[in-house]
Amino acid sequence: MNKKFIKTLLIAFVLIIFMIINPYKIIVVRGESMFPTYKNGDILLGTKDRNYQKGDIVVLKNDFDETIIKRISYMPRETYYTVSRIVAHDCISEMVDKTTYENIKHNSNSKYVIAMKDKVPLNQYFITGDNKNNSDDSRRFGSIEKEKILYKIIK
């Protein structure tokens, strides 16, 4: 064997090892759920960092085995508040702060308004898209387990 072949083989071996242990992943945004932060087609860099903070943008697999990108809105054991209104046979839910929740809970006697308080379970995260009107997220499917998070987006 000649030296050029051995050198090429060694470089290929190093590249394969690097690809296997590489903690980074290139992510392509699909959809509009993170608009205006990210747009459809944007290219992002993710890392396998498991130290998550509120506000981090993460990549995970949903129940349909689709890769989705969302923001961590609430951490484990944090309390969050939602208000749901029934309008023309549709239920419209929105996240609210504690003060709004208290006002609606104590001042609304309508059977068409429901104010709820909940807590994120241990080792789970409540994730939402930045485009609140066009995002399938924890407001519908609930909090997600830490193990489902694949990458954290590097800013």
Protein backbone atom coordinates (compact mmCIF):
# COMPACT_ATOMS: atom_id res chain seq x y z
CA MET A 1 0.00 0.00 0.00
CA ASN A 2 1.19 3.45 -0.79
CA LYS A 3 1.43 6.36 1.65
CA LYS A 4 -1.32 8.38 -0.09
CA PHE A 5 -3.86 5.58 0.35
CA ILE A 6 -2.96 5.13 4.04
CA LYS A 7 -3.20 8.89 4.60
CA THR A 8 -6.65 9.02 2.91
CA LEU A 9 -7.83 6.02 4.96
CA LEU A 10 -6.60 7.64 8.19
CA ILE A 11 -8.38 10.94 7.38
CA ALA A 12 -11.60 9.05 6.56
CA PHE A 13 -11.35 7.12 9.84
CA VAL A 14 -10.83 10.34 11.85
CA LEU A 15 -13.81 12.00 10.10
CA ILE A 16 -16.05 9.01 10.82
CA ILE A 17 -15.05 9.01 14.50
CA PHE A 18 -15.63 12.78 14.67
CA MET A 19 -19.11 12.40 13.14
CA ILE A 20 -20.02 9.71 15.69
CA ILE A 21 -18.89 11.61 18.79
CA ASN A 22 -19.70 15.11 17.48
CA PRO A 23 -21.94 16.90 20.01
CA TYR A 24 -23.27 19.30 17.32
CA LYS A 25 -26.09 18.89 14.84
CA ILE A 26 -27.26 21.08 11.95
CA ILE A 27 -31.02 21.71 12.22
CA VAL A 28 -33.24 23.06 9.43
CA VAL A 29 -36.42 24.85 10.56
CA ARG A 30 -39.62 23.46 9.04
CA GLY A 31 -42.82 25.43 9.54
CA GLU A 32 -43.76 28.74 11.11
CA SER A 33 -44.21 27.84 14.80
CA MET A 34 -41.06 29.73 15.88
CA PHE A 35 -41.73 32.85 13.77
CA PRO A 36 -40.50 35.62 14.09
CA THR A 37 -37.45 34.19 15.92
CA TYR A 38 -36.82 31.61 13.18
CA LYS A 39 -38.37 31.29 9.76
CA ASN A 40 -39.07 28.25 7.62
CA GLY A 41 -35.78 27.14 6.04
CA ASP A 42 -33.47 28.78 8.60
CA ILE A 43 -30.38 26.70 9.41
CA LEU A 44 -29.47 26.38 13.10
CA LEU A 45 -26.77 24.67 15.14
CA GLY A 46 -27.77 22.42 18.01
CA THR A 47 -25.72 20.87 20.79
CA LYS A 48 -26.33 17.94 23.14
CA ASP A 49 -26.01 20.21 26.19
CA ARG A 50 -28.45 18.85 28.84
CA ASN A 51 -28.35 21.94 31.07
CA TYR A 52 -31.64 23.63 30.11
CA GLN A 53 -32.84 27.04 31.25
CA LYS A 54 -36.13 28.87 30.85
CA GLY A 55 -36.12 30.53 27.43
CA ASP A 56 -33.82 27.97 25.77
CA ILE A 57 -34.86 26.81 22.32
CA VAL A 58 -34.77 23.03 22.00
CA VAL A 59 -35.21 20.35 19.37
CA LEU A 60 -37.23 17.25 20.21
CA LYS A 61 -39.31 14.44 18.75
CA ASN A 62 -43.06 14.68 19.19
CA ASP A 63 -45.47 11.77 19.57
CA PHE A 64 -45.63 11.39 15.76
CA ASP A 65 -41.81 11.02 15.56
CA GLU A 66 -41.53 14.45 13.90
CA THR A 67 -38.64 16.74 14.81
CA ILE A 68 -39.95 20.00 16.28
CA ILE A 69 -38.33 23.19 17.60
CA LYS A 70 -39.83 24.97 20.62
CA ARG A 71 -38.91 27.30 23.48
CA ILE A 72 -38.86 26.19 27.13
CA SER A 73 -41.52 28.38 28.73
CA TYR A 74 -41.74 26.72 32.14
CA MET A 75 -39.21 24.64 34.06
CA PRO A 76 -39.84 21.57 36.24
CA ARG A 77 -42.02 22.39 39.27
CA GLU A 78 -42.90 25.87 37.97
CA THR A 79 -46.54 26.95 38.13
CA TYR A 80 -48.31 28.23 35.03
CA TYR A 81 -51.77 29.65 34.44
CA THR A 82 -54.19 29.27 31.54
CA VAL A 83 -57.56 30.75 30.73
CA SER A 84 -59.89 28.99 28.32
CA ARG A 85 -62.90 30.65 26.74
CA ILE A 86 -65.64 28.93 24.78
CA VAL A 87 -66.48 31.03 21.75
CA ALA A 88 -68.87 29.75 19.06
CA HIS A 89 -68.32 26.10 20.04
CA ASP A 90 -64.51 26.51 19.99
CA CYS A 91 -62.28 26.45 23.06
CA ILE A 92 -59.61 29.15 22.91
CA SER A 93 -56.85 28.83 25.52
CA GLU A 94 -54.13 31.31 26.38
CA MET A 95 -51.30 31.51 28.87
CA VAL A 96 -51.72 34.29 31.43
CA ASP A 97 -49.80 35.67 34.38
CA LYS A 98 -50.83 35.06 37.99
CA THR A 99 -52.58 38.44 38.38
CA THR A 100 -54.75 37.92 35.28
CA TYR A 101 -55.54 34.38 36.44
CA GLU A 102 -56.63 35.62 39.89
CA ASN A 103 -58.79 38.40 38.40
CA ILE A 104 -60.57 36.05 36.03
CA LYS A 105 -60.97 33.29 38.60
CA HIS A 106 -62.51 35.60 41.22
CA ASN A 107 -64.45 37.97 38.98
CA SER A 108 -65.89 35.71 36.28
CA ASN A 109 -69.20 34.00 36.83
CA SER A 110 -69.45 32.82 33.25
CA LYS A 111 -69.64 29.11 32.57
CA TYR A 112 -67.83 29.88 29.31
CA VAL A 113 -64.55 30.89 30.98
CA ILE A 114 -62.25 28.45 32.79
CA ALA A 115 -59.16 29.61 34.69
CA MET A 116 -56.67 26.85 35.49
CA LYS A 117 -53.48 26.68 37.54
CA ASP A 118 -51.04 23.82 36.98
CA LYS A 119 -47.49 22.80 37.82
CA VAL A 120 -44.88 21.26 35.51
CA PRO A 121 -43.90 17.79 36.82
CA LEU A 122 -40.36 17.01 37.92
CA ASN A 123 -37.99 16.26 34.99
CA GLN A 124 -40.44 17.73 32.49
CA TYR A 125 -40.64 21.01 30.58
CA PHE A 126 -43.51 23.11 29.25
CA ILE A 127 -42.59 24.13 25.70
CA THR A 128 -44.24 26.62 23.34
CA GLY A 129 -43.64 28.03 19.90
CA ASP A 130 -42.97 31.75 19.55
CA ASN A 131 -45.80 32.00 17.00
CA LYS A 132 -48.57 31.43 19.56
CA ASN A 133 -51.34 31.37 16.94
CA ASN A 134 -49.60 28.73 14.81
CA SER A 135 -47.83 26.32 17.15
CA ASP A 136 -48.69 22.82 18.31
CA ASP A 137 -47.05 22.68 21.73
CA SER A 138 -47.48 21.94 25.45
CA ARG A 139 -50.67 24.00 25.52
CA ARG A 140 -52.24 21.07 23.65
CA PHE A 141 -50.16 17.97 24.49
CA GLY A 142 -48.83 18.90 27.95
CA SER A 143 -45.33 19.03 29.30
CA ILE A 144 -42.60 16.85 27.81
CA GLU A 145 -40.02 14.62 29.46
CA LYS A 146 -36.41 15.78 29.54
CA GLU A 147 -35.38 12.60 27.68
CA LYS A 148 -37.38 13.68 24.60
CA ILE A 149 -35.14 16.72 24.09
CA LEU A 150 -32.46 15.97 21.51
CA TYR A 151 -30.59 19.28 21.17
CA LYS A 152 -30.43 22.79 22.50
CA ILE A 153 -30.06 25.51 19.87
CA ILE A 154 -26.86 27.54 20.12
CA LYS A 155 -27.56 31.24 19.85
